[in-house]
């Protein structure tokens, strides 16, 4: 079972830490002031705040506006979240091609979540031509960074022989790595291999 990383999973990482801590201490005005002065990290954090309704009203369109400002400055987390917004149609119309463009920008900066999701787009032919080899390449980049969803997805590609030569040993190895991180899909897939 293949799975895209949801923004809430990735936002639980270091990118969100400062935003949550700041909103809990009622520091929203400082973040907004920095964002309005063009600070990409503050713009990203303000986008997260609107996305989650933390310290500001929940507002997908405002979230997208702030993500876009940070993304256009090259902020990988904002590029990823903007890709997710287009992928899910939250705050913007659903647009797989835009999702791919933003995922690619973040993926090329080494953002594991974006690499996994870009792999999914190739795997499913959403916004790009279906290309299992491209999917495997992006999954591998994220999997090698320890991304459990990508490890599970790469395991599935090996199990099915999609984009790679079918290889049960490789499938089990990747499923195991993901399962050791608590990935439920990988645990299930690993159980199905036995």
N, C-alpha and C. Protein backbone atom coordinates (compact mmCIF):
# COMPACT_ATOMS: atom_id res chain seq x y z
N UNK A 1 0.85 -1.18 0.00
CA UNK A 1 0.00 0.00 0.00
C UNK A 1 0.89 1.24 0.00
N UNK A 2 0.70 2.09 -0.97
CA UNK A 2 1.49 3.30 -1.09
C UNK A 2 0.77 4.45 -0.40
N UNK A 3 1.54 5.39 0.10
CA UNK A 3 0.94 6.44 0.89
C UNK A 3 1.71 7.73 0.74
N UNK A 4 0.99 8.81 0.53
CA UNK A 4 1.61 10.12 0.51
C UNK A 4 1.76 10.61 1.94
N UNK A 5 2.79 11.36 2.14
CA UNK A 5 3.00 11.96 3.44
C UNK A 5 2.08 13.16 3.55
N UNK A 6 1.35 13.23 4.63
CA UNK A 6 0.46 14.36 4.86
C UNK A 6 1.24 15.50 5.48
N UNK A 7 0.82 16.72 5.25
CA UNK A 7 1.56 17.84 5.81
C UNK A 7 1.70 17.77 7.32
N UNK A 8 0.71 17.25 8.01
CA UNK A 8 0.79 17.21 9.45
C UNK A 8 1.91 16.31 9.92
N UNK A 9 2.23 15.27 9.17
CA UNK A 9 3.33 14.40 9.56
C UNK A 9 4.65 15.12 9.42
N UNK A 10 4.86 15.75 8.32
CA UNK A 10 6.13 16.44 8.10
C UNK A 10 6.20 17.69 8.95
N UNK A 11 5.08 18.35 9.15
CA UNK A 11 5.09 19.57 9.94
C UNK A 11 5.39 19.29 11.39
N UNK A 12 5.31 18.04 11.79
CA UNK A 12 5.68 17.68 13.14
C UNK A 12 7.18 17.71 13.33
N UNK A 13 7.92 17.90 12.27
CA UNK A 13 9.38 17.92 12.31
C UNK A 13 9.89 19.27 12.77
N UNK A 14 11.15 19.49 12.58
CA UNK A 14 11.80 20.72 13.02
C UNK A 14 11.16 21.96 12.42
N UNK A 15 10.58 21.86 11.22
CA UNK A 15 9.98 23.03 10.60
C UNK A 15 8.89 23.63 11.48
N UNK A 16 8.13 22.82 12.16
CA UNK A 16 6.99 23.31 12.91
C UNK A 16 7.35 23.70 14.32
N UNK A 17 8.43 23.16 14.83
CA UNK A 17 8.77 23.39 16.22
C UNK A 17 8.70 24.84 16.64
N UNK A 18 9.32 25.73 15.89
CA UNK A 18 9.32 27.14 16.25
C UNK A 18 7.93 27.75 16.16
N UNK A 19 7.15 27.36 15.18
CA UNK A 19 5.81 27.94 15.02
C UNK A 19 4.92 27.58 16.19
N UNK A 20 4.92 26.32 16.59
CA UNK A 20 4.06 25.89 17.68
C UNK A 20 4.49 26.54 18.99
N UNK A 21 5.78 26.54 19.26
CA UNK A 21 6.26 27.15 20.49
C UNK A 21 5.87 28.62 20.54
N UNK A 22 6.01 29.31 19.42
CA UNK A 22 5.70 30.73 19.38
C UNK A 22 4.22 30.98 19.58
N UNK A 23 3.36 30.17 18.94
CA UNK A 23 1.93 30.42 19.07
C UNK A 23 1.48 30.12 20.49
N UNK A 24 2.08 29.17 21.13
CA UNK A 24 1.68 28.84 22.49
C UNK A 24 2.09 29.94 23.46
N UNK A 25 3.07 30.75 23.10
CA UNK A 25 3.49 31.85 23.97
C UNK A 25 2.91 33.19 23.48
N UNK A 26 1.92 33.12 22.62
CA UNK A 26 1.23 34.31 22.11
C UNK A 26 2.19 35.26 21.40
N UNK A 27 3.10 34.73 20.63
CA UNK A 27 4.09 35.53 19.92
C UNK A 27 3.70 35.72 18.46
N UNK A 28 2.43 35.58 18.17
CA UNK A 28 1.95 35.66 16.79
C UNK A 28 2.31 36.98 16.12
N UNK A 29 2.22 38.07 16.85
CA UNK A 29 2.51 39.39 16.26
C UNK A 29 3.96 39.48 15.77
N UNK A 30 4.88 38.90 16.52
CA UNK A 30 6.30 38.93 16.11
C UNK A 30 6.50 38.10 14.84
N UNK A 31 5.86 36.95 14.78
CA UNK A 31 5.98 36.11 13.58
C UNK A 31 5.40 36.85 12.38
N UNK A 32 4.23 37.44 12.57
CA UNK A 32 3.60 38.18 11.47
C UNK A 32 4.49 39.34 11.00
N UNK A 33 5.06 40.08 11.94
CA UNK A 33 5.92 41.21 11.57
C UNK A 33 7.12 40.73 10.77
N UNK A 34 7.74 39.66 11.21
CA UNK A 34 8.89 39.11 10.47
C UNK A 34 8.46 38.61 9.10
N UNK A 35 7.30 37.96 9.04
CA UNK A 35 6.80 37.45 7.76
C UNK A 35 6.54 38.61 6.80
N UNK A 36 5.93 39.67 7.30
CA UNK A 36 5.63 40.82 6.45
C UNK A 36 6.89 41.54 5.99
N UNK A 37 7.99 41.37 6.73
CA UNK A 37 9.27 41.95 6.32
C UNK A 37 10.03 41.04 5.36
N UNK A 38 9.44 39.89 5.03
CA UNK A 38 10.04 39.03 4.02
C UNK A 38 10.84 37.86 4.54
N UNK A 39 10.81 37.58 5.83
CA UNK A 39 11.55 36.45 6.38
C UNK A 39 10.85 35.14 5.98
N UNK A 40 11.53 34.32 5.19
CA UNK A 40 10.91 33.10 4.64
C UNK A 40 10.49 32.12 5.72
N UNK A 41 11.30 31.97 6.76
CA UNK A 41 10.94 31.04 7.83
C UNK A 41 9.70 31.53 8.56
N UNK A 42 9.62 32.83 8.82
CA UNK A 42 8.43 33.39 9.47
C UNK A 42 7.21 33.24 8.57
N UNK A 43 7.40 33.45 7.27
CA UNK A 43 6.28 33.27 6.33
C UNK A 43 5.79 31.83 6.36
N UNK A 44 6.73 30.90 6.36
CA UNK A 44 6.36 29.48 6.45
C UNK A 44 5.61 29.21 7.75
N UNK A 45 6.17 29.69 8.87
CA UNK A 45 5.54 29.44 10.16
C UNK A 45 4.15 30.05 10.24
N UNK A 46 3.98 31.24 9.68
CA UNK A 46 2.65 31.86 9.68
C UNK A 46 1.69 31.04 8.81
N UNK A 47 2.19 30.51 7.71
CA UNK A 47 1.37 29.60 6.89
C UNK A 47 0.92 28.39 7.68
N UNK A 48 1.84 27.81 8.45
CA UNK A 48 1.50 26.65 9.28
C UNK A 48 0.44 27.04 10.31
N UNK A 49 0.60 28.21 10.89
CA UNK A 49 -0.36 28.67 11.89
C UNK A 49 -1.76 28.78 11.30
N UNK A 50 -1.87 29.37 10.10
CA UNK A 50 -3.18 29.45 9.44
C UNK A 50 -3.67 28.06 9.04
N UNK A 51 -2.77 27.20 8.61
CA UNK A 51 -3.13 25.84 8.19
C UNK A 51 -3.73 25.05 9.35
N UNK A 52 -3.21 25.28 10.56
CA UNK A 52 -3.63 24.52 11.73
C UNK A 52 -4.55 25.30 12.67
N UNK A 53 -4.74 26.59 12.40
CA UNK A 53 -5.56 27.40 13.30
C UNK A 53 -4.91 27.61 14.65
N UNK A 54 -3.60 27.75 14.68
CA UNK A 54 -2.85 27.94 15.92
C UNK A 54 -2.47 29.41 16.07
N UNK A 55 -3.12 30.11 16.98
CA UNK A 55 -2.81 31.51 17.22
C UNK A 55 -3.48 32.47 16.25
N UNK A 56 -4.08 31.93 15.21
CA UNK A 56 -4.82 32.70 14.20
C UNK A 56 -6.00 31.84 13.78
N UNK A 57 -7.01 32.44 13.15
CA UNK A 57 -8.13 31.62 12.68
C UNK A 57 -7.67 30.63 11.59
N UNK A 58 -8.25 29.47 11.58
CA UNK A 58 -7.98 28.48 10.53
C UNK A 58 -8.38 29.09 9.20
N UNK A 59 -7.45 29.11 8.23
CA UNK A 59 -7.73 29.75 6.94
C UNK A 59 -6.78 29.17 5.89
N UNK A 60 -7.29 28.22 5.10
CA UNK A 60 -6.46 27.56 4.09
C UNK A 60 -5.92 28.53 3.05
N UNK A 61 -6.70 29.52 2.67
CA UNK A 61 -6.24 30.47 1.65
C UNK A 61 -5.10 31.33 2.18
N UNK A 62 -5.21 31.78 3.41
CA UNK A 62 -4.11 32.54 4.02
C UNK A 62 -2.87 31.65 4.16
N UNK A 63 -3.08 30.40 4.54
CA UNK A 63 -1.95 29.46 4.65
C UNK A 63 -1.22 29.37 3.32
N UNK A 64 -1.98 29.18 2.24
CA UNK A 64 -1.38 29.07 0.91
C UNK A 64 -0.65 30.35 0.53
N UNK A 65 -1.23 31.50 0.83
CA UNK A 65 -0.57 32.77 0.51
C UNK A 65 0.80 32.88 1.19
N UNK A 66 0.85 32.51 2.47
CA UNK A 66 2.12 32.59 3.19
C UNK A 66 3.08 31.50 2.74
N UNK A 67 2.58 30.30 2.48
CA UNK A 67 3.45 29.25 1.95
C UNK A 67 4.07 29.70 0.62
N UNK A 68 3.25 30.30 -0.23
CA UNK A 68 3.75 30.73 -1.54
C UNK A 68 4.87 31.76 -1.40
N UNK A 69 4.70 32.72 -0.50
CA UNK A 69 5.74 33.74 -0.30
C UNK A 69 7.05 33.09 0.13
N UNK A 70 6.97 32.16 1.06
CA UNK A 70 8.19 31.48 1.51
C UNK A 70 8.73 30.55 0.44
N UNK A 71 7.84 29.85 -0.26
CA UNK A 71 8.25 28.91 -1.31
C UNK A 71 8.98 29.62 -2.43
N UNK A 72 8.51 30.79 -2.79
CA UNK A 72 9.15 31.55 -3.87
C UNK A 72 10.54 32.03 -3.48
N UNK A 73 10.83 32.03 -2.18
CA UNK A 73 12.17 32.36 -1.70
C UNK A 73 13.03 31.11 -1.54
N UNK A 74 12.47 29.95 -1.90
CA UNK A 74 13.24 28.71 -1.85
C UNK A 74 13.11 27.91 -0.57
N UNK A 75 12.16 28.22 0.28
CA UNK A 75 11.97 27.47 1.53
C UNK A 75 11.37 26.10 1.21
N UNK A 76 12.15 25.05 1.45
CA UNK A 76 11.74 23.69 1.05
C UNK A 76 10.47 23.24 1.76
N UNK A 77 10.33 23.53 3.04
CA UNK A 77 9.12 23.14 3.76
C UNK A 77 7.88 23.80 3.20
N UNK A 78 8.01 25.07 2.84
CA UNK A 78 6.89 25.80 2.24
C UNK A 78 6.58 25.26 0.85
N UNK A 79 7.62 24.92 0.09
CA UNK A 79 7.40 24.34 -1.23
C UNK A 79 6.64 23.02 -1.10
N UNK A 80 7.04 22.20 -0.13
CA UNK A 80 6.35 20.94 0.10
C UNK A 80 4.89 21.17 0.48
N UNK A 81 4.66 22.08 1.42
CA UNK A 81 3.28 22.33 1.87
C UNK A 81 2.43 22.93 0.76
N UNK A 82 3.03 23.77 -0.07
CA UNK A 82 2.30 24.33 -1.20
C UNK A 82 1.96 23.21 -2.18
N UNK A 83 2.89 22.29 -2.40
CA UNK A 83 2.60 21.12 -3.23
C UNK A 83 1.45 20.31 -2.66
N UNK A 84 1.45 20.11 -1.34
CA UNK A 84 0.35 19.38 -0.70
C UNK A 84 -0.97 20.12 -0.87
N UNK A 85 -0.93 21.44 -0.79
CA UNK A 85 -2.16 22.23 -0.96
C UNK A 85 -2.76 21.99 -2.34
N UNK A 86 -1.91 22.01 -3.37
CA UNK A 86 -2.40 21.74 -4.73
C UNK A 86 -2.81 20.28 -4.89
N UNK A 87 -2.09 19.38 -4.26
CA UNK A 87 -2.38 17.95 -4.36
C UNK A 87 -3.73 17.61 -3.73
N UNK A 88 -4.05 18.29 -2.64
CA UNK A 88 -5.29 18.01 -1.91
C UNK A 88 -6.41 19.00 -2.23
N UNK A 89 -6.09 20.08 -2.94
CA UNK A 89 -7.10 21.10 -3.24
C UNK A 89 -7.53 21.87 -2.01
N UNK A 90 -6.58 22.17 -1.13
CA UNK A 90 -6.87 22.91 0.09
C UNK A 90 -6.34 24.33 -0.03
N UNK A 91 -7.23 25.30 -0.08
CA UNK A 91 -6.86 26.70 -0.20
C UNK A 91 -6.60 27.14 -1.64
N UNK A 92 -6.53 26.18 -2.53
CA UNK A 92 -6.35 26.40 -3.98
C UNK A 92 -7.11 25.30 -4.70
N UNK A 93 -7.43 25.51 -5.97
CA UNK A 93 -8.05 24.42 -6.73
C UNK A 93 -7.08 23.24 -6.86
N UNK A 94 -7.61 22.04 -6.86
CA UNK A 94 -6.80 20.84 -7.08
C UNK A 94 -6.06 20.99 -8.40
N UNK A 95 -4.74 20.78 -8.39
CA UNK A 95 -3.94 20.93 -9.60
C UNK A 95 -2.69 20.06 -9.46
N UNK A 96 -2.76 18.85 -10.05
CA UNK A 96 -1.65 17.90 -9.93
C UNK A 96 -0.36 18.42 -10.53
N UNK A 97 -0.44 19.17 -11.61
CA UNK A 97 0.78 19.69 -12.24
C UNK A 97 1.48 20.70 -11.33
N UNK A 98 0.70 21.57 -10.71
CA UNK A 98 1.29 22.51 -9.74
C UNK A 98 1.87 21.75 -8.55
N UNK A 99 1.16 20.72 -8.10
CA UNK A 99 1.67 19.91 -6.99
C UNK A 99 3.03 19.32 -7.36
N UNK A 100 3.13 18.75 -8.55
CA UNK A 100 4.40 18.17 -9.01
C UNK A 100 5.49 19.23 -9.04
N UNK A 101 5.18 20.40 -9.58
CA UNK A 101 6.19 21.47 -9.67
C UNK A 101 6.74 21.84 -8.30
N UNK A 102 5.85 22.01 -7.33
CA UNK A 102 6.30 22.41 -6.00
C UNK A 102 6.98 21.26 -5.28
N UNK A 103 6.46 20.04 -5.42
CA UNK A 103 7.15 18.89 -4.83
C UNK A 103 8.57 18.78 -5.38
N UNK A 104 8.71 18.95 -6.69
CA UNK A 104 10.02 18.82 -7.33
C UNK A 104 11.01 19.85 -6.76
N UNK A 105 10.55 21.09 -6.58
CA UNK A 105 11.45 22.12 -6.04
C UNK A 105 11.94 21.74 -4.65
N UNK A 106 11.04 21.25 -3.82
CA UNK A 106 11.45 20.84 -2.47
C UNK A 106 12.28 19.56 -2.52
N UNK A 107 11.89 18.63 -3.38
CA UNK A 107 12.62 17.35 -3.49
C UNK A 107 14.05 17.57 -3.94
N UNK A 108 14.25 18.49 -4.85
CA UNK A 108 15.60 18.77 -5.34
C UNK A 108 16.48 19.41 -4.27
N UNK A 109 15.85 19.93 -3.22
CA UNK A 109 16.61 20.46 -2.07
C UNK A 109 16.82 19.39 -1.01
N UNK A 110 16.36 18.17 -1.28
CA UNK A 110 16.56 17.07 -0.34
C UNK A 110 15.44 16.86 0.65
N UNK A 111 14.28 17.48 0.45
CA UNK A 111 13.14 17.31 1.37
C UNK A 111 12.55 15.91 1.16
N UNK A 112 12.70 15.05 2.16
CA UNK A 112 12.30 13.65 2.03
C UNK A 112 10.80 13.49 1.77
N UNK A 113 9.97 14.25 2.44
CA UNK A 113 8.53 14.16 2.22
C UNK A 113 8.15 14.50 0.79
N UNK A 114 8.79 15.53 0.25
CA UNK A 114 8.54 15.92 -1.14
C UNK A 114 9.05 14.86 -2.10
N UNK A 115 10.19 14.26 -1.78
CA UNK A 115 10.72 13.20 -2.63
C UNK A 115 9.75 12.02 -2.67
N UNK A 116 9.23 11.64 -1.51
CA UNK A 116 8.26 10.55 -1.47
C UNK A 116 7.01 10.90 -2.27
N UNK A 117 6.49 12.10 -2.06
CA UNK A 117 5.25 12.48 -2.75
C UNK A 117 5.46 12.64 -4.25
N UNK A 118 6.63 13.12 -4.65
CA UNK A 118 6.93 13.20 -6.08
C UNK A 118 7.00 11.79 -6.66
N UNK A 119 7.58 10.87 -5.91
CA UNK A 119 7.56 9.47 -6.32
C UNK A 119 6.15 8.95 -6.51
N UNK A 120 5.26 9.33 -5.60
CA UNK A 120 3.85 8.92 -5.71
C UNK A 120 3.21 9.47 -6.97
N UNK A 121 3.53 10.71 -7.30
CA UNK A 121 2.94 11.32 -8.49
C UNK A 121 3.37 10.55 -9.74
N UNK A 122 4.65 10.18 -9.81
CA UNK A 122 5.13 9.37 -10.94
C UNK A 122 4.52 7.97 -10.90
N UNK A 123 4.40 7.41 -9.71
CA UNK A 123 3.86 6.06 -9.54
C UNK A 123 2.41 5.98 -10.00
N UNK A 124 1.66 7.05 -9.79
CA UNK A 124 0.24 7.05 -10.12
C UNK A 124 -0.08 7.82 -11.40
N UNK A 125 0.93 8.45 -11.99
CA UNK A 125 0.69 9.23 -13.21
C UNK A 125 -0.17 10.44 -12.96
N UNK A 126 0.01 11.10 -11.83
CA UNK A 126 -0.75 12.29 -11.48
C UNK A 126 0.11 13.53 -11.72
N UNK A 127 -0.28 14.36 -12.67
CA UNK A 127 0.45 15.58 -12.96
C UNK A 127 1.69 15.36 -13.82
N UNK A 128 2.04 14.12 -14.03
CA UNK A 128 3.18 13.71 -14.87
C UNK A 128 2.80 12.39 -15.53
N UNK A 129 3.55 12.03 -16.56
CA UNK A 129 3.34 10.71 -17.17
C UNK A 129 3.75 9.63 -16.17
N UNK A 130 2.99 8.56 -16.12
CA UNK A 130 3.33 7.44 -15.25
C UNK A 130 4.73 6.95 -15.61
N UNK A 131 5.59 6.83 -14.61
CA UNK A 131 6.98 6.43 -14.84
C UNK A 131 7.49 5.74 -13.58
N UNK A 132 7.43 4.41 -13.57
CA UNK A 132 7.83 3.65 -12.39
C UNK A 132 9.30 3.84 -12.04
N UNK A 133 10.15 4.00 -13.04
CA UNK A 133 11.58 4.19 -12.75
C UNK A 133 11.82 5.52 -12.03
N UNK A 134 11.13 6.57 -12.48
CA UNK A 134 11.23 7.86 -11.78
C UNK A 134 10.68 7.72 -10.35
N UNK A 135 9.58 7.00 -10.21
CA UNK A 135 9.00 6.79 -8.88
C UNK A 135 10.01 6.13 -7.97
N UNK A 136 10.63 5.06 -8.45
CA UNK A 136 11.63 4.34 -7.65
C UNK A 136 12.78 5.27 -7.27
N UNK A 137 13.24 6.06 -8.22
CA UNK A 137 14.35 6.98 -7.94
C UNK A 137 14.04 7.95 -6.82
N UNK A 138 12.84 8.53 -6.85
CA UNK A 138 12.47 9.48 -5.81
C UNK A 138 12.20 8.78 -4.49
N UNK A 139 11.54 7.61 -4.54
CA UNK A 139 11.33 6.86 -3.30
C UNK A 139 12.67 6.53 -2.65
N UNK A 140 13.63 6.10 -3.47
CA UNK A 140 14.94 5.70 -2.94
C UNK A 140 15.62 6.88 -2.24
N UNK A 141 15.57 8.06 -2.85
CA UNK A 141 16.20 9.24 -2.23
C UNK A 141 15.61 9.49 -0.84
N UNK A 142 14.29 9.43 -0.74
CA UNK A 142 13.65 9.66 0.55
C UNK A 142 13.90 8.50 1.51
N UNK A 143 13.83 7.27 1.00
CA UNK A 143 14.03 6.09 1.84
C UNK A 143 15.43 6.08 2.45
N UNK A 144 16.41 6.48 1.67
CA UNK A 144 17.78 6.50 2.17
C UNK A 144 18.00 7.58 3.23
N UNK A 145 17.08 8.53 3.31
CA UNK A 145 17.11 9.54 4.38
C UNK A 145 16.36 9.05 5.61
N UNK A 146 15.79 7.85 5.52
CA UNK A 146 15.08 7.28 6.66
C UNK A 146 13.58 7.54 6.66
N UNK A 147 13.02 8.03 5.56
CA UNK A 147 11.59 8.29 5.49
C UNK A 147 10.83 6.96 5.43
N UNK A 148 10.05 6.68 6.47
CA UNK A 148 9.37 5.39 6.58
C UNK A 148 8.35 5.16 5.48
N UNK A 149 7.61 6.19 5.09
CA UNK A 149 6.63 6.02 4.02
C UNK A 149 7.33 5.67 2.71
N UNK A 150 8.43 6.34 2.43
CA UNK A 150 9.18 6.05 1.21
C UNK A 150 9.79 4.65 1.27
N UNK A 151 10.26 4.24 2.44
CA UNK A 151 10.80 2.89 2.58
C UNK A 151 9.72 1.86 2.27
N UNK A 152 8.52 2.09 2.79
CA UNK A 152 7.41 1.19 2.50
C UNK A 152 7.09 1.20 1.01
N UNK A 153 7.04 2.38 0.42
CA UNK A 153 6.72 2.49 -1.01
C UNK A 153 7.78 1.82 -1.87
N UNK A 154 9.04 2.00 -1.50
CA UNK A 154 10.12 1.35 -2.25
C UNK A 154 10.03 -0.17 -2.10
N UNK A 155 9.70 -0.62 -0.91
CA UNK A 155 9.48 -2.06 -0.70
C UNK A 155 8.39 -2.59 -1.61
N UNK A 156 7.32 -1.82 -1.75
CA UNK A 156 6.21 -2.24 -2.62
C UNK A 156 6.65 -2.33 -4.08
N UNK A 157 7.51 -1.41 -4.50
CA UNK A 157 8.00 -1.45 -5.88
C UNK A 157 8.83 -2.71 -6.12
N UNK A 158 9.66 -3.06 -5.13
CA UNK A 158 10.45 -4.30 -5.26
C UNK A 158 9.54 -5.52 -5.20
N UNK A 159 8.55 -5.51 -4.35
CA UNK A 159 7.64 -6.66 -4.23
C UNK A 159 6.89 -6.91 -5.53
N UNK A 160 6.50 -5.83 -6.21
CA UNK A 160 5.72 -5.95 -7.44
C UNK A 160 6.58 -5.93 -8.70
N UNK A 161 7.86 -5.60 -8.56
CA UNK A 161 8.71 -5.51 -9.75
C UNK A 161 8.34 -4.34 -10.64
N UNK A 162 7.96 -3.23 -10.03
CA UNK A 162 7.58 -2.02 -10.77
C UNK A 162 8.73 -1.02 -10.73
N UNK A 163 9.32 -0.75 -11.88
CA UNK A 163 10.43 0.19 -11.97
C UNK A 163 11.77 -0.41 -11.59
N UNK A 164 11.74 -1.61 -11.06
CA UNK A 164 12.94 -2.36 -10.67
C UNK A 164 12.67 -3.83 -10.95
N UNK A 165 13.73 -4.62 -10.94
CA UNK A 165 13.55 -6.07 -11.04
C UNK A 165 12.91 -6.56 -9.76
N UNK A 166 11.90 -7.40 -9.88
CA UNK A 166 11.21 -7.93 -8.70
C UNK A 166 12.23 -8.62 -7.80
N UNK A 167 12.20 -8.30 -6.50
CA UNK A 167 13.20 -8.80 -5.57
C UNK A 167 12.58 -8.85 -4.17
N UNK A 168 12.15 -10.04 -3.76
CA UNK A 168 11.51 -10.19 -2.45
C UNK A 168 12.44 -9.80 -1.30
N UNK A 169 13.72 -10.11 -1.43
CA UNK A 169 14.66 -9.77 -0.35
C UNK A 169 14.73 -8.25 -0.16
N UNK A 170 14.85 -7.51 -1.27
CA UNK A 170 14.87 -6.05 -1.17
C UNK A 170 13.55 -5.53 -0.61
N UNK A 171 12.44 -6.12 -1.05
CA UNK A 171 11.13 -5.70 -0.55
C UNK A 171 11.08 -5.87 0.97
N UNK A 172 11.48 -7.04 1.45
CA UNK A 172 11.46 -7.31 2.89
C UNK A 172 12.38 -6.35 3.63
N UNK A 173 13.57 -6.11 3.09
CA UNK A 173 14.51 -5.20 3.75
C UNK A 173 13.92 -3.80 3.92
N UNK A 174 13.30 -3.28 2.85
CA UNK A 174 12.72 -1.93 2.93
C UNK A 174 11.49 -1.91 3.82
N UNK A 175 10.64 -2.93 3.72
CA UNK A 175 9.48 -3.01 4.61
C UNK A 175 9.93 -3.05 6.07
N UNK A 176 10.96 -3.83 6.34
CA UNK A 176 11.45 -3.97 7.72
C UNK A 176 11.93 -2.62 8.25
N UNK A 177 12.69 -1.89 7.44
CA UNK A 177 13.17 -0.57 7.88
C UNK A 177 12.00 0.35 8.24
N UNK A 178 10.98 0.34 7.41
CA UNK A 178 9.80 1.18 7.67
C UNK A 178 9.04 0.68 8.89
N UNK A 179 8.88 -0.64 9.00
CA UNK A 179 8.15 -1.23 10.12
C UNK A 179 8.84 -0.92 11.45
N UNK A 180 10.16 -0.92 11.44
CA UNK A 180 10.91 -0.62 12.67
C UNK A 180 10.67 0.81 13.14
N UNK A 181 10.20 1.66 12.25
CA UNK A 181 9.85 3.03 12.61
C UNK A 181 8.37 3.16 12.96
N UNK A 182 7.66 2.04 12.96
CA UNK A 182 6.26 2.05 13.34
C UNK A 182 5.28 2.22 12.19
N UNK A 183 5.75 2.14 10.95
CA UNK A 183 4.86 2.30 9.79
C UNK A 183 3.91 1.11 9.70
N UNK A 184 2.63 1.36 9.91
CA UNK A 184 1.62 0.28 9.95
C UNK A 184 1.48 -0.42 8.61
N UNK A 185 1.54 0.33 7.51
CA UNK A 185 1.43 -0.29 6.19
C UNK A 185 2.59 -1.25 5.95
N UNK A 186 3.78 -0.84 6.36
CA UNK A 186 4.96 -1.69 6.18
C UNK A 186 4.84 -2.95 7.03
N UNK A 187 4.32 -2.82 8.24
CA UNK A 187 4.13 -4.00 9.09
C UNK A 187 3.18 -4.98 8.41
N UNK A 188 2.11 -4.45 7.87
CA UNK A 188 1.14 -5.30 7.15
C UNK A 188 1.82 -5.94 5.94
N UNK A 189 2.51 -5.14 5.14
CA UNK A 189 3.16 -5.66 3.94
C UNK A 189 4.22 -6.69 4.27
N UNK A 190 4.95 -6.47 5.35
CA UNK A 190 5.96 -7.43 5.78
C UNK A 190 5.30 -8.74 6.18
N UNK A 191 4.18 -8.65 6.87
CA UNK A 191 3.43 -9.85 7.24
C UNK A 191 2.93 -10.61 6.03
N UNK A 192 2.56 -9.89 4.99
CA UNK A 192 2.07 -10.54 3.76
C UNK A 192 3.20 -11.23 3.00
N UNK A 193 4.44 -10.82 3.23
CA UNK A 193 5.58 -11.42 2.54
C UNK A 193 5.94 -12.78 3.14
N UNK A 194 5.54 -13.03 4.37
CA UNK A 194 5.90 -14.29 5.05
C UNK A 194 4.91 -15.38 4.77
